[in-house]
Amino acid sequence: MNTGLDTSFLTKLSKAKMPFGKYKDRYLVDLPEYYLVWYKNKGFPKGKLGEQLQSIYEIKLNGLEYLIRNIQKFS
């Protein structure tokens, strides 16, 4: 049975860091919520980083960041 859950995406997301700016080298999951909301309103960048930022935004919005933190601990 395929659940549609891509664990490799979540593992990579848990290790992804911001590549530039004020929050350079911070894990995406550690970015402040207001920063992610700003990107949501401005528009997420295109490509992989944009997908990751949008995913982190949705994860935080739904109170699920503990899942990413658990993956960080065990991977």
Foldseek 3Di string as FASTA:
>chain_A
DDPVDDVVLLLVLLVDADCDDPRHPHRLLPDDLVVLVVCVVVPADDDDRSVSSVVSNVCVVVPNSVVSVVSVVVD
